[in-house]
Amino acid sequence: MSSSLDRIDLKILQTLQDQGRITNKELAEKVNLSPSACHQRLQKLIDDEWLTSFHGVINIDRLCAPVQCIATIALGNHSPDAFRFLEKRVESMPEALEAYTVSGSCDFIVRFACAHMTRYMTLTNSLIQECPEIDTISTHVIMKQSKRFSRYPLDDLMDFNAYR
């Protein structure tokens, strides 16, 4: 952990994870700062990239019924160029929601959301055609999301209590 964060900064981060729509006045009260001092700290956390975004989480199942898949991709060639090409190609796909370079039996894990399975098949076929280094793509269709990401467990990941 960086020494540039103190217990107040960590409390701000923790509070914003729990209540992203909190007003600056309410946040200031929770972390025992004046609203102007709280705003300055919050702006510094944003400027220093401790906070990377604020966004609303859409209930996609109410909006539409996308086909969601997790693809595991294994490369036959582990050259840096092969990894970079696939990373850039996946980055350019709006339907690719998340992507991870991993160790183990595959090299990438990508989560997709597509309007139809035919669109997913078109995407993976184009990946195979454009990236001959791909050895296999295994698709796992998501039937139901059992747990959604909501926050990092800062208390468990670091000695948060030492900063309270």
N, C-alpha and C. Protein backbone atom coordinates (compact mmCIF):
# COMPACT_ATOMS: atom_id res chain seq x y z
N MET A 1 0.84 -1.19 0.00
CA MET A 1 0.00 0.00 0.00
C MET A 1 0.88 1.24 0.00
N SER A 2 0.45 2.24 -0.69
CA SER A 2 1.20 3.48 -0.77
C SER A 2 1.12 4.24 0.54
N SER A 3 2.23 4.86 0.92
CA SER A 3 2.24 5.66 2.14
C SER A 3 1.51 6.98 1.93
N SER A 4 1.08 7.27 0.72
CA SER A 4 0.38 8.53 0.48
C SER A 4 -1.09 8.46 0.89
N LEU A 5 -1.58 7.29 1.27
CA LEU A 5 -2.94 7.18 1.76
C LEU A 5 -2.92 7.13 3.28
N ASP A 6 -3.85 7.84 3.89
CA ASP A 6 -3.97 7.75 5.34
C ASP A 6 -5.34 7.16 5.67
N ARG A 7 -5.64 7.09 6.96
CA ARG A 7 -6.89 6.44 7.39
C ARG A 7 -8.12 7.17 6.86
N ILE A 8 -8.06 8.48 6.70
CA ILE A 8 -9.20 9.23 6.17
C ILE A 8 -9.41 8.90 4.70
N ASP A 9 -8.32 8.85 3.93
CA ASP A 9 -8.44 8.47 2.52
C ASP A 9 -9.07 7.08 2.39
N LEU A 10 -8.60 6.15 3.21
CA LEU A 10 -9.15 4.79 3.16
C LEU A 10 -10.62 4.76 3.56
N LYS A 11 -10.98 5.57 4.51
CA LYS A 11 -12.39 5.63 4.91
C LYS A 11 -13.24 6.23 3.79
N ILE A 12 -12.70 7.20 3.09
CA ILE A 12 -13.41 7.76 1.93
C ILE A 12 -13.62 6.68 0.88
N LEU A 13 -12.57 5.92 0.56
CA LEU A 13 -12.67 4.85 -0.43
C LEU A 13 -13.69 3.80 0.00
N GLN A 14 -13.62 3.39 1.24
CA GLN A 14 -14.55 2.39 1.77
C GLN A 14 -15.99 2.90 1.69
N THR A 15 -16.22 4.13 2.08
CA THR A 15 -17.57 4.70 2.07
C THR A 15 -18.10 4.79 0.65
N LEU A 16 -17.27 5.21 -0.29
CA LEU A 16 -17.73 5.34 -1.67
C LEU A 16 -18.03 3.99 -2.30
N GLN A 17 -17.32 2.94 -1.88
CA GLN A 17 -17.67 1.60 -2.37
C GLN A 17 -19.06 1.20 -1.90
N ASP A 18 -19.40 1.57 -0.69
CA ASP A 18 -20.69 1.19 -0.12
C ASP A 18 -21.82 2.09 -0.59
N GLN A 19 -21.51 3.38 -0.78
CA GLN A 19 -22.54 4.37 -1.10
C GLN A 19 -22.01 5.32 -2.18
N GLY A 20 -22.01 4.88 -3.40
CA GLY A 20 -21.45 5.66 -4.49
C GLY A 20 -22.19 6.95 -4.79
N ARG A 21 -23.45 7.04 -4.39
CA ARG A 21 -24.24 8.24 -4.68
C ARG A 21 -24.30 9.21 -3.50
N ILE A 22 -23.48 8.99 -2.52
CA ILE A 22 -23.48 9.84 -1.33
C ILE A 22 -23.07 11.27 -1.72
N THR A 23 -23.67 12.25 -1.08
CA THR A 23 -23.29 13.64 -1.35
C THR A 23 -21.96 13.94 -0.66
N ASN A 24 -21.29 14.97 -1.12
CA ASN A 24 -20.04 15.38 -0.50
C ASN A 24 -20.25 15.75 0.97
N LYS A 25 -21.38 16.38 1.25
CA LYS A 25 -21.68 16.77 2.64
C LYS A 25 -21.81 15.53 3.53
N GLU A 26 -22.55 14.53 3.04
CA GLU A 26 -22.72 13.29 3.81
C GLU A 26 -21.39 12.55 3.97
N LEU A 27 -20.60 12.52 2.90
CA LEU A 27 -19.29 11.87 2.96
C LEU A 27 -18.40 12.57 3.97
N ALA A 28 -18.41 13.88 3.96
CA ALA A 28 -17.60 14.65 4.90
C ALA A 28 -17.99 14.33 6.34
N GLU A 29 -19.28 14.19 6.59
CA GLU A 29 -19.74 13.85 7.94
C GLU A 29 -19.25 12.47 8.36
N LYS A 30 -19.29 11.52 7.43
CA LYS A 30 -18.88 10.14 7.74
C LYS A 30 -17.39 10.04 8.04
N VAL A 31 -16.59 10.89 7.40
CA VAL A 31 -15.13 10.80 7.60
C VAL A 31 -14.60 11.92 8.49
N ASN A 32 -15.51 12.67 9.09
CA ASN A 32 -15.16 13.73 10.05
C ASN A 32 -14.25 14.82 9.45
N LEU A 33 -14.68 15.33 8.30
CA LEU A 33 -13.98 16.45 7.65
C LEU A 33 -15.00 17.53 7.31
N SER A 34 -14.51 18.72 7.05
CA SER A 34 -15.39 19.76 6.51
C SER A 34 -15.70 19.39 5.07
N PRO A 35 -16.82 19.83 4.53
CA PRO A 35 -17.14 19.52 3.14
C PRO A 35 -16.05 19.96 2.15
N SER A 36 -15.44 21.14 2.37
CA SER A 36 -14.40 21.59 1.43
C SER A 36 -13.15 20.72 1.54
N ALA A 37 -12.75 20.34 2.74
CA ALA A 37 -11.58 19.47 2.90
C ALA A 37 -11.85 18.08 2.31
N CYS A 38 -13.08 17.60 2.50
CA CYS A 38 -13.46 16.30 1.95
C CYS A 38 -13.42 16.34 0.42
N HIS A 39 -13.96 17.41 -0.15
CA HIS A 39 -13.95 17.55 -1.61
C HIS A 39 -12.52 17.58 -2.16
N GLN A 40 -11.64 18.29 -1.48
CA GLN A 40 -10.23 18.36 -1.92
C GLN A 40 -9.58 16.97 -1.87
N ARG A 41 -9.83 16.23 -0.80
CA ARG A 41 -9.27 14.87 -0.69
C ARG A 41 -9.84 13.96 -1.76
N LEU A 42 -11.14 14.05 -1.98
CA LEU A 42 -11.77 13.23 -3.00
C LEU A 42 -11.19 13.55 -4.37
N GLN A 43 -11.03 14.81 -4.68
CA GLN A 43 -10.46 15.20 -5.97
C GLN A 43 -9.04 14.67 -6.12
N LYS A 44 -8.25 14.70 -5.04
CA LYS A 44 -6.89 14.17 -5.08
C LYS A 44 -6.90 12.65 -5.30
N LEU A 45 -7.84 11.95 -4.66
CA LEU A 45 -7.95 10.51 -4.87
C LEU A 45 -8.28 10.19 -6.33
N ILE A 46 -9.12 11.02 -6.93
CA ILE A 46 -9.46 10.85 -8.35
C ILE A 46 -8.26 11.19 -9.22
N ASP A 47 -7.63 12.34 -8.96
CA ASP A 47 -6.48 12.76 -9.77
C ASP A 47 -5.33 11.77 -9.70
N ASP A 48 -5.12 11.16 -8.52
CA ASP A 48 -4.03 10.19 -8.34
C ASP A 48 -4.45 8.77 -8.72
N GLU A 49 -5.64 8.62 -9.29
CA GLU A 49 -6.17 7.36 -9.80
C GLU A 49 -6.38 6.28 -8.75
N TRP A 50 -6.65 6.70 -7.50
CA TRP A 50 -7.09 5.74 -6.49
C TRP A 50 -8.53 5.36 -6.75
N LEU A 51 -9.30 6.30 -7.28
CA LEU A 51 -10.66 6.06 -7.75
C LEU A 51 -10.63 6.18 -9.26
N THR A 52 -11.11 5.16 -9.95
CA THR A 52 -11.00 5.19 -11.41
C THR A 52 -12.29 5.53 -12.12
N SER A 53 -13.43 5.37 -11.44
CA SER A 53 -14.68 5.74 -12.11
C SER A 53 -15.84 5.73 -11.12
N PHE A 54 -16.88 6.41 -11.53
CA PHE A 54 -18.16 6.38 -10.84
C PHE A 54 -19.17 5.98 -11.91
N HIS A 55 -19.96 4.98 -11.64
CA HIS A 55 -20.95 4.59 -12.63
C HIS A 55 -22.13 3.89 -11.96
N GLY A 56 -23.22 3.89 -12.68
CA GLY A 56 -24.41 3.17 -12.23
C GLY A 56 -24.37 1.76 -12.78
N VAL A 57 -24.86 0.82 -12.01
CA VAL A 57 -24.91 -0.57 -12.45
C VAL A 57 -26.30 -0.83 -13.00
N ILE A 58 -26.36 -1.19 -14.27
CA ILE A 58 -27.63 -1.43 -14.96
C ILE A 58 -28.11 -2.85 -14.67
N ASN A 59 -29.38 -3.01 -14.40
CA ASN A 59 -29.97 -4.33 -14.29
C ASN A 59 -30.27 -4.78 -15.72
N ILE A 60 -29.30 -5.41 -16.35
CA ILE A 60 -29.40 -5.75 -17.77
C ILE A 60 -30.54 -6.73 -18.04
N ASP A 61 -30.86 -7.57 -17.07
CA ASP A 61 -31.94 -8.54 -17.26
C ASP A 61 -33.31 -7.86 -17.38
N ARG A 62 -33.46 -6.67 -16.81
CA ARG A 62 -34.71 -5.92 -16.97
C ARG A 62 -34.74 -5.22 -18.32
N LEU A 63 -33.56 -4.88 -18.84
CA LEU A 63 -33.48 -4.12 -20.08
C LEU A 63 -33.62 -5.03 -21.30
N CYS A 64 -32.96 -6.17 -21.26
CA CYS A 64 -32.98 -7.11 -22.38
C CYS A 64 -32.53 -8.48 -21.85
N ALA A 65 -32.39 -9.43 -22.73
CA ALA A 65 -31.97 -10.77 -22.32
C ALA A 65 -30.74 -11.18 -23.12
N PRO A 66 -29.57 -10.63 -22.77
CA PRO A 66 -28.39 -10.97 -23.56
C PRO A 66 -27.91 -12.39 -23.28
N VAL A 67 -27.22 -12.95 -24.24
CA VAL A 67 -26.50 -14.20 -24.04
C VAL A 67 -25.16 -13.80 -23.46
N GLN A 68 -24.86 -14.32 -22.27
CA GLN A 68 -23.59 -14.01 -21.64
C GLN A 68 -22.76 -15.28 -21.58
N CYS A 69 -21.50 -15.13 -21.97
CA CYS A 69 -20.59 -16.27 -22.02
C CYS A 69 -19.25 -15.90 -21.41
N ILE A 70 -18.60 -16.90 -20.87
CA ILE A 70 -17.21 -16.75 -20.46
C ILE A 70 -16.40 -17.64 -21.40
N ALA A 71 -15.44 -17.03 -22.06
CA ALA A 71 -14.59 -17.77 -22.98
C ALA A 71 -13.20 -17.90 -22.38
N THR A 72 -12.69 -19.10 -22.40
CA THR A 72 -11.29 -19.31 -22.03
C THR A 72 -10.53 -19.53 -23.33
N ILE A 73 -9.45 -18.80 -23.49
CA ILE A 73 -8.69 -18.83 -24.73
C ILE A 73 -7.27 -19.27 -24.44
N ALA A 74 -6.83 -20.29 -25.16
CA ALA A 74 -5.45 -20.77 -25.03
C ALA A 74 -4.72 -20.49 -26.34
N LEU A 75 -3.53 -19.95 -26.20
CA LEU A 75 -2.69 -19.67 -27.36
C LEU A 75 -1.70 -20.81 -27.58
N GLY A 76 -1.41 -21.09 -28.84
CA GLY A 76 -0.38 -22.07 -29.16
C GLY A 76 0.99 -21.44 -29.17
N ASN A 77 1.03 -20.13 -29.41
CA ASN A 77 2.27 -19.36 -29.45
C ASN A 77 2.21 -18.33 -28.34
N HIS A 78 3.17 -18.37 -27.44
CA HIS A 78 3.16 -17.46 -26.30
C HIS A 78 4.10 -16.27 -26.48
N SER A 79 4.21 -15.81 -27.69
CA SER A 79 5.06 -14.64 -27.94
C SER A 79 4.37 -13.39 -27.42
N PRO A 80 5.14 -12.40 -27.00
CA PRO A 80 4.53 -11.14 -26.54
C PRO A 80 3.63 -10.51 -27.61
N ASP A 81 4.00 -10.64 -28.89
CA ASP A 81 3.17 -10.07 -29.96
C ASP A 81 1.81 -10.75 -30.03
N ALA A 82 1.77 -12.06 -29.82
CA ALA A 82 0.50 -12.79 -29.86
C ALA A 82 -0.41 -12.31 -28.73
N PHE A 83 0.17 -12.14 -27.53
CA PHE A 83 -0.62 -11.65 -26.40
C PHE A 83 -1.13 -10.24 -26.66
N ARG A 84 -0.25 -9.36 -27.13
CA ARG A 84 -0.64 -7.96 -27.40
C ARG A 84 -1.74 -7.89 -28.45
N PHE A 85 -1.60 -8.69 -29.51
CA PHE A 85 -2.60 -8.65 -30.58
C PHE A 85 -3.97 -9.06 -30.04
N LEU A 86 -4.00 -10.16 -29.29
CA LEU A 86 -5.28 -10.62 -28.77
C LEU A 86 -5.86 -9.63 -27.76
N GLU A 87 -5.02 -9.06 -26.91
CA GLU A 87 -5.50 -8.06 -25.95
C GLU A 87 -6.12 -6.87 -26.66
N LYS A 88 -5.45 -6.37 -27.70
CA LYS A 88 -5.98 -5.22 -28.44
C LYS A 88 -7.26 -5.57 -29.19
N ARG A 89 -7.30 -6.77 -29.75
CA ARG A 89 -8.49 -7.19 -30.50
C ARG A 89 -9.70 -7.31 -29.57
N VAL A 90 -9.50 -7.93 -28.40
CA VAL A 90 -10.59 -8.06 -27.44
C VAL A 90 -11.01 -6.69 -26.91
N GLU A 91 -10.03 -5.83 -26.66
CA GLU A 91 -10.32 -4.47 -26.18
C GLU A 91 -11.24 -3.72 -27.15
N SER A 92 -11.12 -4.00 -28.42
CA SER A 92 -11.92 -3.29 -29.43
C SER A 92 -13.34 -3.83 -29.58
N MET A 93 -13.66 -4.91 -28.89
CA MET A 93 -14.99 -5.53 -29.00
C MET A 93 -15.90 -4.99 -27.90
N PRO A 94 -16.94 -4.24 -28.23
CA PRO A 94 -17.83 -3.73 -27.20
C PRO A 94 -18.52 -4.84 -26.41
N GLU A 95 -18.73 -5.99 -27.02
CA GLU A 95 -19.40 -7.09 -26.34
C GLU A 95 -18.50 -7.79 -25.32
N ALA A 96 -17.20 -7.55 -25.40
CA ALA A 96 -16.27 -8.11 -24.41
C ALA A 96 -16.30 -7.20 -23.19
N LEU A 97 -16.93 -7.65 -22.13
CA LEU A 97 -17.15 -6.83 -20.94
C LEU A 97 -15.92 -6.78 -20.03
N GLU A 98 -15.24 -7.89 -19.91
CA GLU A 98 -14.06 -8.00 -19.06
C GLU A 98 -13.11 -8.97 -19.73
N ALA A 99 -11.82 -8.77 -19.52
CA ALA A 99 -10.82 -9.69 -20.05
C ALA A 99 -9.65 -9.77 -19.08
N TYR A 100 -9.14 -10.96 -18.92
CA TYR A 100 -8.03 -11.21 -18.01
C TYR A 100 -6.97 -12.06 -18.70
N THR A 101 -5.72 -11.70 -18.53
CA THR A 101 -4.62 -12.57 -18.92
C THR A 101 -4.31 -13.40 -17.68
N VAL A 102 -4.30 -14.72 -17.83
CA VAL A 102 -4.20 -15.60 -16.66
C VAL A 102 -3.12 -16.67 -16.86
N SER A 103 -2.79 -17.32 -15.79
CA SER A 103 -1.90 -18.49 -15.86
C SER A 103 -2.77 -19.73 -15.76
N GLY A 104 -2.18 -20.86 -16.07
CA GLY A 104 -2.92 -22.11 -15.96
C GLY A 104 -3.17 -22.73 -17.32
N SER A 105 -4.31 -23.42 -17.44
CA SER A 105 -4.61 -24.17 -18.65
C SER A 105 -5.04 -23.30 -19.82
N CYS A 106 -5.32 -22.03 -19.58
CA CYS A 106 -5.64 -21.10 -20.66
C CYS A 106 -4.84 -19.83 -20.44
N ASP A 107 -4.87 -18.95 -21.43
CA ASP A 107 -4.09 -17.71 -21.35
C ASP A 107 -4.96 -16.48 -21.13
N PHE A 108 -6.23 -16.55 -21.54
CA PHE A 108 -7.15 -15.42 -21.40
C PHE A 108 -8.51 -15.94 -20.93
N ILE A 109 -9.17 -15.12 -20.15
CA ILE A 109 -10.58 -15.36 -19.82
C ILE A 109 -11.31 -14.08 -20.18
N VAL A 110 -12.36 -14.21 -20.99
CA VAL A 110 -13.11 -13.05 -21.46
C VAL A 110 -14.59 -13.30 -21.21
N ARG A 111 -15.24 -12.28 -20.66
CA ARG A 111 -16.69 -12.35 -20.46
C ARG A 111 -17.36 -11.52 -21.54
N PHE A 112 -18.31 -12.13 -22.24
CA PHE A 112 -19.03 -11.49 -23.33
C PHE A 112 -20.51 -11.36 -23.00
N ALA A 113 -21.14 -10.32 -23.54
CA ALA A 113 -22.60 -10.19 -23.53
C ALA A 113 -23.00 -9.84 -24.96
N CYS A 114 -23.82 -10.69 -25.55
CA CYS A 114 -24.24 -10.50 -26.94
C CYS A 114 -25.76 -10.61 -27.04
N ALA A 115 -26.30 -9.97 -28.05
CA ALA A 115 -27.75 -10.00 -28.25
C ALA A 115 -28.23 -11.41 -28.58
N HIS A 116 -27.41 -12.18 -29.30
CA HIS A 116 -27.79 -13.53 -29.73
C HIS A 116 -26.54 -14.41 -29.75
N MET A 117 -26.73 -15.69 -29.67
CA MET A 117 -25.61 -16.62 -29.73
C MET A 117 -24.90 -16.53 -31.08
N THR A 118 -25.64 -16.23 -32.13
CA THR A 118 -25.00 -16.11 -33.45
C THR A 118 -23.99 -14.96 -33.45
N ARG A 119 -24.28 -13.89 -32.73
CA ARG A 119 -23.32 -12.77 -32.63
C ARG A 119 -22.07 -13.21 -31.89
N TYR A 120 -22.23 -13.96 -30.81
CA TYR A 120 -21.07 -14.48 -30.07
C TYR A 120 -20.24 -15.39 -30.99
N MET A 121 -20.89 -16.24 -31.74
CA MET A 121 -20.17 -17.14 -32.65
C MET A 121 -19.42 -16.34 -33.71
N THR A 122 -20.02 -15.27 -34.22
CA THR A 122 -19.35 -14.41 -35.19
C THR A 122 -18.10 -13.79 -34.58
N LEU A 123 -18.20 -13.32 -33.34
CA LEU A 123 -17.04 -12.71 -32.67
C LEU A 123 -15.91 -13.71 -32.47
N THR A 124 -16.25 -14.88 -31.97
CA THR A 124 -15.18 -15.87 -31.73
C THR A 124 -14.60 -16.39 -33.04
N ASN A 125 -15.43 -16.54 -34.07
CA ASN A 125 -14.89 -16.95 -35.37
C ASN A 125 -13.94 -15.91 -35.93
N SER A 126 -14.26 -14.64 -35.76
CA SER A 126 -13.36 -13.59 -36.25
C SER A 126 -12.06 -13.59 -35.45
N LEU A 127 -12.13 -13.85 -34.15
CA LEU A 127 -10.90 -13.94 -33.35
C LEU A 127 -10.01 -15.07 -33.86
N ILE A 128 -10.61 -16.21 -34.14
CA ILE A 128 -9.85 -17.36 -34.62
C ILE A 128 -9.21 -17.05 -35.97
N GLN A 129 -9.96 -16.40 -36.86
CA GLN A 129 -9.43 -16.07 -38.19
C GLN A 129 -8.33 -15.02 -38.11
N GLU A 130 -8.49 -14.02 -37.25
CA GLU A 130 -7.54 -12.91 -37.16
C GLU A 130 -6.31 -13.24 -36.32
N CYS A 131 -6.42 -14.22 -35.47
CA CYS A 131 -5.33 -14.56 -34.56
C CYS A 131 -5.04 -16.06 -34.66
N PRO A 132 -4.21 -16.43 -35.63
CA PRO A 132 -3.93 -17.86 -35.83
C PRO A 132 -3.19 -18.50 -34.64
N GLU A 133 -2.69 -17.68 -33.72
CA GLU A 133 -2.01 -18.21 -32.55
C GLU A 133 -3.00 -18.84 -31.56
N ILE A 134 -4.32 -18.57 -31.73
CA ILE A 134 -5.31 -19.17 -30.85
C ILE A 134 -5.35 -20.66 -31.10
N ASP A 135 -5.15 -21.41 -30.03
CA ASP A 135 -5.20 -22.87 -30.10
C ASP A 135 -6.62 -23.36 -29.84
N THR A 136 -7.22 -22.89 -28.75
CA THR A 136 -8.59 -23.29 -28.43
C THR A 136 -9.35 -22.15 -27.77
N ILE A 137 -10.65 -22.14 -28.02
CA ILE A 137 -11.57 -21.28 -27.29
C ILE A 137 -12.64 -22.19 -26.71
N SER A 138 -12.76 -22.17 -25.40
CA SER A 138 -13.81 -22.93 -24.73
C SER A 138 -14.85 -21.94 -24.22
N THR A 139 -16.10 -22.23 -24.53
CA THR A 139 -17.18 -21.31 -24.16
C THR A 139 -18.01 -21.90 -23.03
N HIS A 140 -18.28 -21.06 -22.05
CA HIS A 140 -19.13 -21.42 -20.93
C HIS A 140 -20.28 -20.42 -20.91
N VAL A 141 -21.48 -20.90 -21.23
CA VAL A 141 -22.65 -20.03 -21.25
C VAL A 141 -23.09 -19.79 -19.81
N ILE A 142 -23.26 -18.53 -19.46
CA ILE A 142 -23.70 -18.17 -18.11
C ILE A 142 -25.20 -18.38 -18.02
N MET A 143 -25.60 -19.26 -17.14
CA MET A 143 -27.02 -19.56 -16.95
C MET A 143 -27.64 -18.58 -15.96
N LYS A 144 -26.88 -18.25 -14.90
CA LYS A 144 -27.37 -17.36 -13.86
C LYS A 144 -26.16 -16.80 -13.13
N GLN A 145 -26.21 -15.54 -12.79
CA GLN A 145 -25.14 -14.96 -12.00
C GLN A 145 -25.49 -15.15 -10.53
N SER A 146 -24.65 -15.87 -9.82
CA SER A 146 -24.93 -16.21 -8.43
C SER A 146 -24.48 -15.12 -7.46
N LYS A 147 -23.46 -14.36 -7.85
CA LYS A 147 -22.99 -13.27 -7.01
C LYS A 147 -22.45 -12.19 -7.94
N ARG A 148 -22.83 -10.97 -7.65
CA ARG A 148 -22.36 -9.82 -8.42
C ARG A 148 -21.23 -9.14 -7.66
N PHE A 149 -20.29 -8.58 -8.40
CA PHE A 149 -19.25 -7.79 -7.76
C PHE A 149 -19.88 -6.52 -7.24
N SER A 150 -19.62 -6.20 -5.99
CA SER A 150 -20.16 -4.96 -5.45
C SER A 150 -19.07 -4.10 -4.83
N ARG A 151 -18.04 -4.74 -4.28
CA ARG A 151 -16.99 -3.96 -3.61
C ARG A 151 -15.82 -4.88 -3.29
N TYR A 152 -14.67 -4.27 -3.14
CA TYR A 152 -13.51 -4.99 -2.66
C TYR A 152 -13.59 -5.06 -1.14
N PRO A 153 -13.23 -6.20 -0.56
CA PRO A 153 -13.25 -6.31 0.91
C PRO A 153 -11.99 -5.70 1.51
N LEU A 154 -11.95 -4.38 1.57
CA LEU A 154 -10.75 -3.69 2.02
C LEU A 154 -10.30 -4.15 3.39
N ASP A 155 -11.25 -4.43 4.29
CA ASP A 155 -10.88 -4.90 5.62
C ASP A 155 -10.06 -6.18 5.55
N ASP A 156 -10.42 -7.07 4.63
CA ASP A 156 -9.74 -8.36 4.51
C ASP A 156 -8.48 -8.28 3.67
N LEU A 157 -8.43 -7.37 2.71
CA LEU A 157 -7.28 -7.29 1.81
C LEU A 157 -6.10 -6.53 2.41
N MET A 158 -6.39 -5.70 3.39
CA MET A 158 -5.33 -4.92 4.00
C MET A 158 -5.67 -4.70 5.47
N ASP A 159 -4.74 -4.23 6.20
CA ASP A 159 -4.96 -3.99 7.62
C ASP A 159 -5.72 -2.69 7.78
N PHE A 160 -6.97 -2.67 7.30
CA PHE A 160 -7.78 -1.46 7.30
C PHE A 160 -8.02 -0.94 8.72
N ASN A 161 -8.19 -1.85 9.66
CA ASN A 161 -8.47 -1.43 11.03
C ASN A 161 -7.34 -0.60 11.62
N ALA A 162 -6.12 -0.78 11.14
CA ALA A 162 -5.00 0.01 11.63
C ALA A 162 -5.13 1.48 11.23
N TYR A 163 -5.96 1.76 10.22
CA TYR A 163 -6.10 3.12 9.72
C TYR A 163 -7.36 3.82 10.24
N ARG A 164 -8.15 3.12 11.02
CA ARG A 164 -9.41 3.70 11.52
C ARG A 164 -9.14 4.63 12.68
